[in-house]
């Protein structure tokens, strides 16, 4: 999941995309709001910008850890982004229902919900979620959404105002378009 350059900058001889890490948790209403910006960035940059979901479950959201594991299983089944967006669209409901909502979303997307349920039980994705969370803490992530691009940490947990423009500035510079 995390095999791109840490700086998010392609090397001079590479055509590798710029990496935008998005530290997110799936029970966070602000992360749901951020999806509009991420869709706009995908539309503008296409495959020149590699937007990577990084998990940062918050203790105050009791179902966010399971949701992160479920998102990893959905990604393994080929629908990680769709699953993430569908769960984020229902953050309030996730807070009330937890795992049943995750399974319902999986079914609606045509995922193997039995396998997703098994993944939640056997914990096969715990290490990915734990590693993302630990890395986030180590680099200064305090809330969600938080972005890292070109080595710059942009905290959107208090306000997302102006963040897409800042991400575009950095991406343009890294892509040699600015």
Protein backbone atom coordinates (compact mmCIF):
# COMPACT_ATOMS: atom_id res chain seq x y z
CA UNK A 1 0.00 0.00 0.00
CA UNK A 2 2.79 2.43 0.86
CA UNK A 3 5.48 1.75 -1.74
CA UNK A 4 5.78 5.21 -3.34
CA UNK A 5 8.56 7.67 -2.52
CA UNK A 6 8.13 9.17 0.93
CA UNK A 7 8.63 12.70 -0.33
CA UNK A 8 5.83 12.46 -2.82
CA UNK A 9 8.15 13.91 -5.46
CA UNK A 10 9.06 11.96 -8.56
CA UNK A 11 12.76 11.78 -9.36
CA UNK A 12 14.02 13.87 -12.27
CA UNK A 13 14.38 10.79 -14.50
CA UNK A 14 11.09 9.24 -13.47
CA UNK A 15 7.58 9.65 -14.74
CA UNK A 16 6.23 8.42 -11.42
CA UNK A 17 3.17 10.26 -10.17
CA UNK A 18 3.26 12.74 -7.33
CA UNK A 19 2.00 11.09 -4.14
CA UNK A 20 -0.70 12.66 -2.01
CA UNK A 21 -1.19 10.78 1.25
CA UNK A 22 -4.59 11.43 2.80
CA UNK A 23 -4.75 10.62 6.51
CA UNK A 24 -8.39 9.83 7.01
CA UNK A 25 -10.81 7.97 9.20
CA UNK A 26 -14.08 6.64 7.93
CA UNK A 27 -16.27 7.92 10.74
CA UNK A 28 -15.08 11.51 10.28
CA UNK A 29 -17.58 13.96 8.77
CA UNK A 30 -14.71 16.25 7.68
CA UNK A 31 -13.20 13.37 5.71
CA UNK A 32 -16.55 12.96 3.98
CA UNK A 33 -16.49 16.67 3.05
CA UNK A 34 -12.91 16.29 1.77
CA UNK A 35 -14.08 13.76 -0.83
CA UNK A 36 -15.23 16.62 -3.08
CA UNK A 37 -11.69 18.02 -3.12
CA UNK A 38 -10.21 14.57 -3.79
CA UNK A 39 -12.60 14.02 -6.71
CA UNK A 40 -11.59 17.42 -8.14
CA UNK A 41 -7.90 16.55 -7.75
CA UNK A 42 -8.42 13.19 -9.48
CA UNK A 43 -10.24 14.95 -12.33
CA UNK A 44 -7.50 17.57 -12.71
CA UNK A 45 -4.42 15.35 -12.44
CA UNK A 46 -5.57 11.87 -13.41
CA UNK A 47 -2.81 9.32 -12.96
CA UNK A 48 -0.16 12.03 -12.46
CA UNK A 49 -1.33 12.26 -8.81
CA UNK A 50 -1.37 9.10 -6.73
CA UNK A 51 -3.91 9.71 -3.95
CA UNK A 52 -3.34 7.19 -1.18
CA UNK A 53 -5.68 6.57 1.73
CA UNK A 54 -3.81 6.36 5.01
CA UNK A 55 -5.65 5.27 8.11
CA UNK A 56 -5.82 7.43 11.19
CA UNK A 57 -8.67 6.06 13.33
CA UNK A 58 -9.56 8.39 16.18
CA UNK A 59 -10.37 7.07 19.65
CA UNK A 60 -13.51 9.20 19.83
CA UNK A 61 -15.04 7.24 16.93
CA UNK A 62 -15.56 3.68 18.17
CA UNK A 63 -16.16 2.12 14.74
CA UNK A 64 -13.35 3.85 12.85
CA UNK A 65 -10.79 1.11 13.50
CA UNK A 66 -13.06 -1.63 12.12
CA UNK A 67 -13.97 0.62 9.19
CA UNK A 68 -10.26 1.06 8.35
CA UNK A 69 -9.76 -2.70 8.34
CA UNK A 70 -12.86 -3.14 6.19
CA UNK A 71 -11.53 -0.55 3.73
CA UNK A 72 -8.32 -2.55 3.41
CA UNK A 73 -10.32 -5.70 2.66
CA UNK A 74 -12.42 -3.80 0.12
CA UNK A 75 -9.18 -2.61 -1.52
CA UNK A 76 -7.98 -6.21 -1.72
CA UNK A 77 -11.25 -7.03 -3.45
CA UNK A 78 -10.68 -4.18 -5.92
CA UNK A 79 -13.11 -1.56 -4.63
CA UNK A 80 -11.27 0.34 -1.92
CA UNK A 81 -12.07 3.84 -3.15
CA UNK A 82 -15.74 3.03 -3.78
CA UNK A 83 -16.06 1.46 -0.34
CA UNK A 84 -14.34 4.39 1.36
CA UNK A 85 -16.58 6.94 -0.34
CA UNK A 86 -19.74 4.92 0.42
CA UNK A 87 -18.88 4.56 4.11
CA UNK A 88 -17.89 8.23 4.42
CA UNK A 89 -21.26 9.19 2.94
CA UNK A 90 -22.83 7.45 5.94
CA UNK A 91 -20.53 8.52 8.80
CA UNK A 92 -23.37 9.32 11.17
CA UNK A 93 -25.00 5.95 10.57
CA UNK A 94 -21.66 4.17 11.03
CA UNK A 95 -21.44 5.76 14.46
CA UNK A 96 -24.74 4.13 15.41
CA UNK A 97 -24.48 0.73 13.75
CA UNK A 98 -20.83 -0.19 13.18
CA UNK A 99 -20.06 -3.53 11.52
CA UNK A 100 -23.56 -4.13 10.09
CA UNK A 101 -23.21 -0.94 8.02
CA UNK A 102 -19.79 -2.03 6.75
CA UNK A 103 -21.26 -5.35 5.61
CA UNK A 104 -24.26 -3.61 4.03
CA UNK A 105 -21.96 -1.31 2.03
CA UNK A 106 -19.86 -4.30 0.97
CA UNK A 107 -22.98 -6.11 -0.27
CA UNK A 108 -24.19 -3.02 -2.14
CA UNK A 109 -20.83 -2.77 -3.95
CA UNK A 110 -20.83 -6.46 -4.87
CA UNK A 111 -17.97 -7.31 -2.54
CA UNK A 112 -17.69 -10.64 -0.75
CA UNK A 113 -19.20 -9.48 2.54
CA UNK A 114 -18.56 -12.85 4.19
CA UNK A 115 -14.85 -12.42 3.48
CA UNK A 116 -14.99 -8.84 4.76
CA UNK A 117 -16.67 -10.07 7.95
CA UNK A 118 -14.00 -12.76 8.33
CA UNK A 119 -11.28 -10.14 7.84
CA UNK A 120 -12.77 -8.12 10.70
CA UNK A 121 -12.75 -11.20 12.91
CA UNK A 122 -9.30 -12.55 12.05
CA UNK A 123 -7.62 -9.13 12.01
CA UNK A 124 -5.65 -9.73 8.80
CA UNK A 125 -5.45 -5.98 8.13
CA UNK A 126 -4.56 -4.85 11.66
CA UNK A 127 -0.89 -4.33 10.86
CA UNK A 128 -1.62 -1.99 7.94
CA UNK A 129 -4.00 0.12 10.00
CA UNK A 130 -1.65 0.17 13.00
CA UNK A 131 1.36 1.06 10.82
CA UNK A 132 -0.51 3.91 9.14
CA UNK A 133 -1.66 5.26 12.50
CA UNK A 134 1.83 5.02 14.01
CA UNK A 135 3.41 6.71 10.98
CA UNK A 136 0.78 9.45 11.11
CA UNK A 137 1.54 10.13 14.76
CA UNK A 138 5.27 10.13 14.07
CA UNK A 139 4.99 12.78 11.34
CA UNK A 140 2.63 15.02 13.31
CA UNK A 141 -0.86 14.05 12.18
CA UNK A 142 -3.23 15.16 14.94
CA UNK A 143 -6.61 14.86 13.26
CA UNK A 144 -8.36 14.10 10.02
CA UNK A 145 -8.24 14.83 7.21
CA UNK A 146 -4.54 15.59 6.99
CA UNK A 147 -2.59 15.57 3.74
CA UNK A 148 1.08 15.00 2.99
CA UNK A 149 2.43 16.03 -0.42
CA UNK A 150 6.00 16.86 -1.35
CA UNK A 151 7.05 16.38 2.26
CA UNK A 152 4.60 19.06 3.46
CA UNK A 153 1.96 18.23 6.06
CA UNK A 154 -1.35 20.06 5.58
CA UNK A 155 -3.76 19.71 8.51
CA UNK A 156 -7.40 19.92 7.50
CA UNK A 157 -8.84 18.75 10.81
CA UNK A 158 -9.69 22.28 11.99
CA UNK A 159 -10.44 23.83 8.59
CA UNK A 160 -10.15 22.67 5.01
CA UNK A 161 -10.33 26.18 3.62
CA UNK A 162 -7.66 26.74 0.99
CA UNK A 163 -6.19 23.25 1.26
CA UNK A 164 -7.10 22.09 -2.25
CA UNK A 165 -5.47 25.20 -3.72
CA UNK A 166 -2.34 24.56 -1.64
CA UNK A 167 -2.25 20.91 -2.74
CA UNK A 168 -2.59 22.03 -6.36
CA UNK A 169 0.27 24.54 -5.93
CA UNK A 170 2.56 21.84 -4.58
CA UNK A 171 1.47 19.25 -7.15
CA UNK A 172 1.99 21.72 -10.01
CA UNK A 173 5.46 22.55 -8.74
CA UNK A 174 6.39 18.87 -8.34
CA UNK A 175 5.04 18.06 -11.78
CA UNK A 176 6.92 20.99 -13.31
CA UNK A 177 3.70 22.77 -14.23
CA UNK A 178 3.96 25.73 -11.92
